Amino acid sequence: MSEKISAIQVYKLLPGINCRKCGTTCMGFAVKLIQKEAKLEQCTPLFEESKYSEKLSKLSSLLKPLMETSETLIDVDVDKCIGCGNCVIACPANVSIEPQTAKGVNPRSGDVVFTVENGKIKILNIQKCRRYPPSRMNCRICELVCYSNAIKILG
């Protein structure tokens, strides 16, 4: 399971020259990278100047798990899931779509973000998540209520 990646970790592996070829400063770019609002290739000095090749390699490795997650930066390990349903009943999006989920009732429609199916978490509609673009709210409720650590927010 991947751990959270901080903007400082990413910033330390960027050139640190604030050339703004990516459209912002190196720290701004680091934040955009971990929020998946920018692509590593936008930092042209990393790719054009050989003196940054080691940083590029380390940065690519660091960001790999992040790039493999959904747009919400939610990483779900179904093997760790115990099927408790805490994420289902605590998810604000689920409750707004199907209010009975707040009472512990598993959703009946496919319009919600999470459900429990066959004793495991299942993501049905990630686009309904409050973390999904364009709103990108910093909601971490599913991660906070997951006792088995099956849900991690990477950004």
Protein backbone atom coordinates (compact mmCIF):
# COMPACT_ATOMS: atom_id res chain seq x y z
CA MET A 1 0.00 0.00 0.00
CA SER A 2 1.30 3.40 -0.90
CA GLU A 3 1.82 6.17 1.63
CA LYS A 4 0.88 9.80 1.30
CA ILE A 5 3.13 11.88 -0.91
CA SER A 6 3.79 15.44 0.21
CA ALA A 7 4.48 18.50 -1.90
CA ILE A 8 7.80 18.93 -0.07
CA GLN A 9 8.94 15.43 -1.08
CA VAL A 10 8.16 16.24 -4.71
CA TYR A 11 9.64 19.74 -4.54
CA LYS A 12 12.98 18.40 -3.30
CA LEU A 13 13.24 16.30 -6.47
CA LEU A 14 12.38 19.13 -8.87
CA PRO A 15 15.13 21.36 -10.30
CA GLY A 16 14.26 24.18 -7.89
CA ILE A 17 15.06 26.88 -10.43
CA ASN A 18 11.56 28.36 -10.71
CA CYS A 19 11.90 28.79 -14.46
CA ARG A 20 8.09 28.74 -14.80
CA LYS A 21 8.22 26.75 -18.04
CA CYS A 22 5.48 24.61 -16.48
CA GLY A 23 3.43 27.73 -15.74
CA THR A 24 4.24 28.10 -12.05
CA THR A 25 7.03 27.89 -9.48
CA CYS A 26 8.63 24.57 -8.54
CA MET A 27 6.59 24.42 -5.31
CA GLY A 28 3.41 25.25 -7.19
CA PHE A 29 4.24 22.53 -9.69
CA ALA A 30 4.86 20.04 -6.89
CA VAL A 31 1.40 20.74 -5.50
CA LYS A 32 -0.15 20.41 -8.97
CA LEU A 33 1.63 17.07 -9.48
CA ILE A 34 0.31 15.51 -6.30
CA GLN A 35 -3.17 16.80 -7.09
CA LYS A 36 -2.87 15.29 -10.57
CA GLU A 37 -3.42 18.70 -12.17
CA ALA A 38 -0.09 18.58 -14.00
CA LYS A 39 2.07 15.99 -15.71
CA LEU A 40 5.74 15.46 -14.96
CA GLU A 41 6.61 16.09 -18.61
CA GLN A 42 5.61 19.74 -18.16
CA CYS A 43 8.85 20.29 -16.21
CA THR A 44 11.03 20.45 -19.30
CA PRO A 45 14.36 21.02 -17.49
CA LEU A 46 13.98 17.59 -15.87
CA PHE A 47 13.88 16.00 -19.30
CA GLU A 48 16.21 18.31 -21.23
CA GLU A 49 19.11 18.68 -18.82
CA SER A 50 21.13 15.58 -17.95
CA LYS A 51 22.16 17.00 -14.57
CA TYR A 52 18.58 16.32 -13.41
CA SER A 53 18.43 12.69 -14.60
CA GLU A 54 18.82 11.24 -11.08
CA LYS A 55 16.10 13.55 -9.74
CA LEU A 56 13.83 12.57 -12.63
CA SER A 57 14.33 8.89 -11.88
CA LYS A 58 13.60 9.33 -8.17
CA LEU A 59 10.61 11.54 -8.89
CA SER A 60 9.17 9.05 -11.38
CA SER A 61 9.44 6.29 -8.77
CA LEU A 62 7.90 8.46 -6.05
CA LEU A 63 4.96 9.51 -8.23
CA LYS A 64 4.29 6.10 -9.80
CA PRO A 65 1.69 4.97 -7.21
CA LEU A 66 -0.01 8.34 -7.42
CA MET A 67 -0.26 8.18 -11.21
CA GLU A 68 -1.85 4.73 -10.93
CA THR A 69 -4.73 5.93 -8.73
CA SER A 70 -8.04 7.39 -9.81
CA GLU A 71 -8.55 11.12 -10.29
CA THR A 72 -9.64 11.35 -6.65
CA LEU A 73 -6.28 10.02 -5.41
CA ILE A 74 -8.16 7.29 -3.55
CA ASP A 75 -6.26 4.02 -3.42
CA VAL A 76 -8.36 1.02 -2.37
CA ASP A 77 -6.85 -2.30 -1.34
CA VAL A 78 -9.80 -4.71 -1.46
CA ASP A 79 -7.67 -7.45 0.08
CA LYS A 80 -7.53 -5.42 3.30
CA CYS A 81 -11.24 -4.59 3.26
CA ILE A 82 -13.28 -6.33 5.97
CA GLY A 83 -16.63 -5.23 4.55
CA CYS A 84 -17.64 -3.18 7.60
CA GLY A 85 -19.35 -0.56 5.41
CA ASN A 86 -18.07 2.43 7.39
CA CYS A 87 -17.00 4.14 4.17
CA VAL A 88 -20.45 3.61 2.68
CA ILE A 89 -22.38 5.16 5.57
CA ALA A 90 -19.87 7.96 6.25
CA CYS A 91 -19.45 9.13 2.66
CA PRO A 92 -21.15 12.54 2.32
CA ALA A 93 -21.80 11.93 -1.38
CA ASN A 94 -23.46 8.58 -0.64
CA VAL A 95 -25.67 10.14 2.04
CA SER A 96 -26.72 13.02 -0.22
CA ILE A 97 -27.61 10.58 -3.02
CA GLU A 98 -29.29 7.95 -0.80
CA PRO A 99 -30.02 9.37 2.67
CA GLN A 100 -30.83 5.94 4.15
CA THR A 101 -27.13 5.04 3.93
CA ALA A 102 -26.53 7.32 6.95
CA LYS A 103 -28.66 4.84 8.94
CA GLY A 104 -26.47 1.91 7.89
CA VAL A 105 -28.51 0.73 4.92
CA ASN A 106 -26.42 -0.39 1.96
CA PRO A 107 -27.29 1.71 -1.12
CA ARG A 108 -29.69 0.19 -3.62
CA SER A 109 -28.80 2.20 -6.69
CA GLY A 110 -25.61 2.39 -8.67
CA ASP A 111 -25.50 6.17 -8.32
CA VAL A 112 -23.43 6.21 -5.11
CA VAL A 113 -19.65 6.29 -4.71
CA PHE A 114 -19.20 3.20 -2.50
CA THR A 115 -21.13 0.06 -1.71
CA VAL A 116 -20.31 -3.26 -0.07
CA GLU A 117 -20.68 -6.22 -2.35
CA ASN A 118 -19.77 -9.79 -1.40
CA GLY A 119 -18.17 -8.53 1.80
CA LYS A 120 -15.81 -6.06 0.11
CA ILE A 121 -15.83 -2.39 -0.80
CA LYS A 122 -16.79 -1.66 -4.36
CA ILE A 123 -16.47 1.72 -6.03
CA LEU A 124 -19.48 2.27 -8.25
CA ASN A 125 -19.37 5.91 -9.26
CA ILE A 126 -16.07 7.61 -8.49
CA GLN A 127 -17.21 10.72 -10.39
CA LYS A 128 -19.70 11.39 -7.56
CA CYS A 129 -16.86 11.61 -5.00
CA ARG A 130 -16.31 15.10 -3.60
CA ARG A 131 -12.59 14.70 -4.35
CA TYR A 132 -13.27 14.28 -8.07
CA PRO A 133 -12.50 17.20 -10.40
CA PRO A 134 -13.56 19.93 -10.77
CA SER A 135 -14.61 20.38 -7.10
CA ARG A 136 -11.61 18.51 -5.64
CA MET A 137 -12.70 18.99 -2.05
CA ASN A 138 -10.19 17.72 0.49
CA CYS A 139 -12.62 15.14 1.86
CA ARG A 140 -10.88 12.25 3.63
CA ILE A 141 -13.82 10.76 5.49
CA CYS A 142 -13.64 7.34 3.84
CA GLU A 143 -9.97 7.05 4.80
CA LEU A 144 -10.60 8.21 8.37
CA VAL A 145 -13.36 5.68 9.06
CA CYS A 146 -11.62 2.71 7.44
CA TYR A 147 -10.46 0.56 10.35
CA SER A 148 -8.65 -1.93 8.15
CA ASN A 149 -6.66 0.76 6.29
CA ALA A 150 -8.03 -0.49 2.97
CA ILE A 151 -8.63 3.09 1.83
CA LYS A 152 -5.78 5.58 1.48
CA ILE A 153 -5.79 9.09 0.09
CA LEU A 154 -2.45 9.62 -1.65
CA GLY A 155 -2.38 13.35 -2.06
